Every structure is written in C-alpha cells, then in structure tokens.
Amino acid sequence: MDTHLCFRINKPKVIYETFEDEQVIINLDTGNYYSLDRVAADIWGLIEQGLTVGDVIEGMACRYAAGSRSEIETEVKKFIAILQQEALIVPAEAKTGTPVPTGVSPEAAKQAFCPPALHTYSDMQQLLILDPIHEVDETGWPAKKQESSR
C-alpha cells in the first residue's frame, strides 16, 4: 500500500460514535456494525484527521514507543486495507498542512503496540438495513430525503 494514499470516513453511509473507551461504527449499507480496540481506534482517529497512510504510521510509531516500526507499519497497512474492504473508508485527497501527531501520550507509552482489531457483528443486519434512516440526506435524521421531481 502506497504511504502517500489518503482516506476518509465513508460518510454518510458510515456512522460512528465513541462510548467511554469503545468506538462503535455502523455501515448503513451492509447493516454490519463494528467495534474497535484501543490501537484500532487510534488509527481511526488519525484517518479521520485526513492524514496519509505514511502519516498514520508515523503517528502510531510516536504514540506506541514499545513497538517496532516495521511491525507498526505492517499492521497499520493491513488494518487500513480491512477498513477499505469493509467500505468504512474510501480514498480521498490528502489535507495539506495537516500536522502529524508527535509525542507519546503517558498512557500509550506504558503499553506495547498490539495489532489493531476490528470486531464485526452482523446480528442486527436485517434491522439496520430496514431502518428508515436510509431515507435521509446528508443533513441527517430527522430530515427526510427530498424526492426528485422529473
């Protein structure tokens, strides 16, 4: 994977929310929902900032001092490929002038880097696909999508 690539969250098809220490993502097209572990949530946050793959790798290498650079690079690239395969992220233009996060947070410095995990759930697929939220435009709920007149 080219480190100059940039991705964005696939909005409005993908919605997400952080609850305490858990990130939950829903793909409204597939009805699948996901949860991210700590490392995966950190990567998601860097992607959300509009960083390139290389900048995400650099940011993770800075956050997790207790991990080898090559392992971090390999695992970040694998995880980004999975996010793209699940249609949670899509290619985007890189934001110019976006600073790469530097420094290691006290919490992360104490913990070793571990491969990011995306936990996938499909048990509510039927309900999520049938939900009327699909009938809204980019402004979101409760504004109903305007029917185009011909």
C-alpha atoms as a PDB file:
ATOM      1  CA  MET A   1       0.000   0.000   0.000  1.00  0.00           C
ATOM      2  CA  ASP A   2       1.339   3.392  -1.009  1.00  0.00           C
ATOM      3  CA  THR A   3       2.119   5.544   2.035  1.00  0.00           C
ATOM      4  CA  HIS A   4       1.053   8.679   0.122  1.00  0.00           C
ATOM      5  CA  LEU A   5      -2.557   7.477  -0.085  1.00  0.00           C
ATOM      6  CA  CYS A   6      -5.169   9.231   1.982  1.00  0.00           C
ATOM      7  CA  PHE A   7      -8.586   8.009   3.096  1.00  0.00           C
ATOM      8  CA  ARG A   8     -11.710   9.495   4.640  1.00  0.00           C
ATOM      9  CA  ILE A   9     -14.584   8.016   6.602  1.00  0.00           C
ATOM     10  CA  ASN A  10     -17.262   6.843   4.134  1.00  0.00           C
ATOM     11  CA  LYS A  11     -19.945   9.307   5.306  1.00  0.00           C
ATOM     12  CA  PRO A  12     -22.955   9.343   5.175  1.00  0.00           C
ATOM     13  CA  LYS A  13     -23.012   5.563   4.653  1.00  0.00           C
ATOM     14  CA  VAL A  14     -20.869   5.047   7.750  1.00  0.00           C
ATOM     15  CA  ILE A  15     -21.668   6.499  11.149  1.00  0.00           C
ATOM     16  CA  TYR A  16     -19.652   6.140  14.315  1.00  0.00           C
ATOM     17  CA  GLU A  17     -19.633   7.093  17.962  1.00  0.00           C
ATOM     18  CA  THR A  18     -17.242   6.795  20.878  1.00  0.00           C
ATOM     19  CA  PHE A  19     -18.631   5.413  24.138  1.00  0.00           C
ATOM     20  CA  GLU A  20     -16.162   5.740  27.010  1.00  0.00           C
ATOM     21  CA  ASP A  21     -13.306   3.512  25.822  1.00  0.00           C
ATOM     22  CA  GLU A  22     -15.074   1.878  22.852  1.00  0.00           C
ATOM     23  CA  GLN A  23     -15.512   3.084  19.289  1.00  0.00           C
ATOM     24  CA  VAL A  24     -18.629   1.749  17.511  1.00  0.00           C
ATOM     25  CA  ILE A  25     -19.042   2.013  13.733  1.00  0.00           C
ATOM     26  CA  ILE A  26     -22.125   1.177  11.647  1.00  0.00           C
ATOM     27  CA  ASN A  27     -22.145   0.636   7.894  1.00  0.00           C
ATOM     28  CA  LEU A  28     -25.701   1.558   6.936  1.00  0.00           C
ATOM     29  CA  ASP A  29     -25.379  -0.069   3.502  1.00  0.00           C
ATOM     30  CA  THR A  30     -24.441  -3.521   4.781  1.00  0.00           C
ATOM     31  CA  GLY A  31     -26.083  -3.442   8.213  1.00  0.00           C
ATOM     32  CA  ASN A  32     -22.844  -4.590   9.832  1.00  0.00           C
ATOM     33  CA  TYR A  33     -21.587  -2.858  12.922  1.00  0.00           C
ATOM     34  CA  TYR A  34     -18.101  -2.872  14.339  1.00  0.00           C
ATOM     35  CA  SER A  35     -16.151  -2.145  17.463  1.00  0.00           C
ATOM     36  CA  LEU A  36     -12.523  -1.099  17.593  1.00  0.00           C
ATOM     37  CA  ASP A  37      -9.904  -1.910  20.174  1.00  0.00           C
ATOM     38  CA  ARG A  38      -7.633   0.816  21.571  1.00  0.00           C
ATOM     39  CA  VAL A  39      -4.993   0.687  18.803  1.00  0.00           C
ATOM     40  CA  ALA A  40      -7.622   0.454  16.045  1.00  0.00           C
ATOM     41  CA  ALA A  41      -9.475   3.460  17.499  1.00  0.00           C
ATOM     42  CA  ASP A  42      -6.219   5.442  17.444  1.00  0.00           C
ATOM     43  CA  ILE A  43      -5.731   4.597  13.755  1.00  0.00           C
ATOM     44  CA  TRP A  44      -9.372   5.507  13.008  1.00  0.00           C
ATOM     45  CA  GLY A  45      -8.850   8.887  14.667  1.00  0.00           C
ATOM     46  CA  LEU A  46      -5.770   9.607  12.560  1.00  0.00           C
ATOM     47  CA  ILE A  47      -7.617   8.632   9.364  1.00  0.00           C
ATOM     48  CA  GLU A  48     -10.453  10.940  10.425  1.00  0.00           C
ATOM     49  CA  GLN A  49      -7.928  13.809  10.608  1.00  0.00           C
ATOM     50  CA  GLY A  50      -7.186  13.329   6.886  1.00  0.00           C
ATOM     51  CA  LEU A  51      -3.637  12.043   7.251  1.00  0.00           C
ATOM     52  CA  THR A  52      -1.845   9.970   4.618  1.00  0.00           C
ATOM     53  CA  VAL A  53      -1.099   6.312   5.323  1.00  0.00           C
ATOM     54  CA  GLY A  54       2.526   7.283   5.954  1.00  0.00           C
ATOM     55  CA  ASP A  55       1.474   9.946   8.458  1.00  0.00           C
ATOM     56  CA  VAL A  56      -0.821   7.471  10.226  1.00  0.00           C
ATOM     57  CA  ILE A  57       2.104   5.056  10.524  1.00  0.00           C
ATOM     58  CA  GLU A  58       4.319   7.867  11.856  1.00  0.00           C
ATOM     59  CA  GLY A  59       1.643   8.920  14.333  1.00  0.00           C
ATOM     60  CA  MET A  60       1.273   5.369  15.626  1.00  0.00           C
ATOM     61  CA  ALA A  61       5.061   4.938  15.900  1.00  0.00           C
ATOM     62  CA  CYS A  62       5.133   8.099  18.034  1.00  0.00           C
ATOM     63  CA  ARG A  63       2.225   7.004  20.233  1.00  0.00           C
ATOM     64  CA  TYR A  64       3.447   3.495  20.935  1.00  0.00           C
ATOM     65  CA  ALA A  65       7.117   3.638  21.841  1.00  0.00           C
ATOM     66  CA  ALA A  66       7.009  -0.017  22.862  1.00  0.00           C
ATOM     67  CA  GLY A  67       6.624  -1.437  19.351  1.00  0.00           C
ATOM     68  CA  SER A  68       8.901  -1.974  16.364  1.00  0.00           C
ATOM     69  CA  ARG A  69       8.487   0.473  13.481  1.00  0.00           C
ATOM     70  CA  SER A  70       8.264  -2.331  10.888  1.00  0.00           C
ATOM     71  CA  GLU A  71       5.565  -4.164  12.880  1.00  0.00           C
ATOM     72  CA  ILE A  72       3.569  -0.949  13.264  1.00  0.00           C
ATOM     73  CA  GLU A  73       3.842  -0.208   9.533  1.00  0.00           C
ATOM     74  CA  THR A  74       2.769  -3.721   8.533  1.00  0.00           C
ATOM     75  CA  GLU A  75      -0.180  -3.822  10.924  1.00  0.00           C
ATOM     76  CA  VAL A  76      -1.414  -0.299  10.105  1.00  0.00           C
ATOM     77  CA  LYS A  77      -1.382  -1.083   6.369  1.00  0.00           C
ATOM     78  CA  LYS A  78      -3.252  -4.367   6.960  1.00  0.00           C
ATOM     79  CA  PHE A  79      -5.836  -2.640   9.126  1.00  0.00           C
ATOM     80  CA  ILE A  80      -6.405   0.171   6.617  1.00  0.00           C
ATOM     81  CA  ALA A  81      -6.896  -2.452   3.889  1.00  0.00           C
ATOM     82  CA  ILE A  82      -9.548  -4.156   6.039  1.00  0.00           C
ATOM     83  CA  LEU A  83     -11.336  -0.854   6.670  1.00  0.00           C
ATOM     84  CA  GLN A  84     -11.344  -0.204   2.931  1.00  0.00           C
ATOM     85  CA  GLN A  85     -12.566  -3.735   2.154  1.00  0.00           C
ATOM     86  CA  GLU A  86     -15.473  -3.234   4.597  1.00  0.00           C
ATOM     87  CA  ALA A  87     -16.271   0.104   2.829  1.00  0.00           C
ATOM     88  CA  LEU A  88     -15.780   2.017   6.078  1.00  0.00           C
ATOM     89  CA  ILE A  89     -13.205   4.297   4.459  1.00  0.00           C
ATOM     90  CA  VAL A  90     -12.748   5.477   0.878  1.00  0.00           C
ATOM     91  CA  PRO A  91      -9.856   7.154  -0.962  1.00  0.00           C
ATOM     92  CA  ALA A  92      -9.624  10.915  -0.500  1.00  0.00           C
ATOM     93  CA  GLU A  93      -7.427  13.885  -1.239  1.00  0.00           C
ATOM     94  CA  ALA A  94      -4.781  14.485   1.399  1.00  0.00           C
ATOM     95  CA  LYS A  95      -5.335  17.571   3.517  1.00  0.00           C
ATOM     96  CA  THR A  96      -2.380  19.846   3.050  1.00  0.00           C
ATOM     97  CA  GLY A  97      -0.774  21.295   6.112  1.00  0.00           C
ATOM     98  CA  THR A  98      -2.192  18.659   8.459  1.00  0.00           C
ATOM     99  CA  PRO A  99       0.384  18.164  11.206  1.00  0.00           C
ATOM    100  CA  VAL A 100       1.487  14.635  12.014  1.00  0.00           C
ATOM    101  CA  PRO A 101       0.812  13.816  15.661  1.00  0.00           C
ATOM    102  CA  THR A 102       4.039  13.648  17.609  1.00  0.00           C
ATOM    103  CA  GLY A 103       4.900  12.725  21.133  1.00  0.00           C
ATOM    104  CA  VAL A 104       3.865   9.742  23.142  1.00  0.00           C
ATOM    105  CA  SER A 105       0.918  10.029  25.476  1.00  0.00           C
ATOM    106  CA  PRO A 106       1.654   8.815  29.020  1.00  0.00           C
ATOM    107  CA  GLU A 107      -0.974   6.046  28.664  1.00  0.00           C
ATOM    108  CA  ALA A 108       0.345   4.756  25.342  1.00  0.00           C
ATOM    109  CA  ALA A 109       3.993   4.918  26.406  1.00  0.00           C
ATOM    110  CA  LYS A 110       3.238   2.364  29.106  1.00  0.00           C
ATOM    111  CA  GLN A 111       1.644  -0.056  26.675  1.00  0.00           C
ATOM    112  CA  ALA A 112       3.151  -2.055  23.862  1.00  0.00           C
ATOM    113  CA  PHE A 113       1.761  -1.766  20.362  1.00  0.00           C
ATOM    114  CA  CYS A 114      -0.519  -4.677  19.511  1.00  0.00           C
ATOM    115  CA  PRO A 115      -2.138  -5.384  16.139  1.00  0.00           C
ATOM    116  CA  PRO A 116      -5.352  -3.380  15.718  1.00  0.00           C
ATOM    117  CA  ALA A 117      -8.590  -5.342  15.799  1.00  0.00           C
ATOM    118  CA  LEU A 118     -11.872  -4.685  14.015  1.00  0.00           C
ATOM    119  CA  HIS A 119     -14.659  -6.752  15.558  1.00  0.00           C
ATOM    120  CA  THR A 120     -17.506  -7.298  13.076  1.00  0.00           C
ATOM    121  CA  TYR A 121     -21.113  -8.034  14.052  1.00  0.00           C
ATOM    122  CA  SER A 122     -23.941  -8.869  11.677  1.00  0.00           C
ATOM    123  CA  ASP A 123     -26.651  -9.956  14.118  1.00  0.00           C
ATOM    124  CA  MET A 124     -28.658  -6.743  13.603  1.00  0.00           C
ATOM    125  CA  GLN A 125     -28.126  -6.587   9.844  1.00  0.00           C
ATOM    126  CA  GLN A 126     -31.794  -7.012   8.917  1.00  0.00           C
ATOM    127  CA  LEU A 127     -32.948  -4.306  11.347  1.00  0.00           C
ATOM    128  CA  LEU A 128     -30.293  -1.812  10.321  1.00  0.00           C
ATOM    129  CA  ILE A 129     -30.945  -2.269   6.609  1.00  0.00           C
ATOM    130  CA  LEU A 130     -34.712  -1.796   7.102  1.00  0.00           C
ATOM    131  CA  ASP A 131     -34.281   1.270   9.323  1.00  0.00           C
ATOM    132  CA  PRO A 132     -35.821   4.448   7.830  1.00  0.00           C
ATOM    133  CA  ILE A 133     -32.567   6.328   8.464  1.00  0.00           C
ATOM    134  CA  HIS A 134     -31.652   5.240   4.925  1.00  0.00           C
ATOM    135  CA  GLU A 135     -34.256   7.674   3.640  1.00  0.00           C
ATOM    136  CA  VAL A 136     -32.390  10.778   4.827  1.00  0.00           C
ATOM    137  CA  ASP A 137     -29.954  13.021   3.021  1.00  0.00           C
ATOM    138  CA  GLU A 138     -26.518  14.246   4.153  1.00  0.00           C
ATOM    139  CA  THR A 139     -28.067  16.591   6.742  1.00  0.00           C
ATOM    140  CA  GLY A 140     -29.074  13.524   8.731  1.00  0.00           C
ATOM    141  CA  TRP A 141     -32.016  12.453  10.794  1.00  0.00           C
ATOM    142  CA  PRO A 142     -34.870  13.557  11.048  1.00  0.00           C
ATOM    143  CA  ALA A 143     -34.777  15.423   7.712  1.00  0.00           C
ATOM    144  CA  LYS A 144     -36.286  13.135   5.100  1.00  0.00           C
ATOM    145  CA  LYS A 145     -34.618  12.925   1.687  1.00  0.00           C
ATOM    146  CA  GLN A 146     -36.375  15.095  -0.896  1.00  0.00           C
ATOM    147  CA  GLU A 147     -37.830  13.176  -3.807  1.00  0.00           C
ATOM    148  CA  SER A 148     -36.516  14.425  -7.117  1.00  0.00           C
ATOM    149  CA  SER A 149     -39.261  15.646  -9.424  1.00  0.00           C
ATOM    150  CA  ARG A 150     -38.987  14.845 -13.089  1.00  0.00           C
END
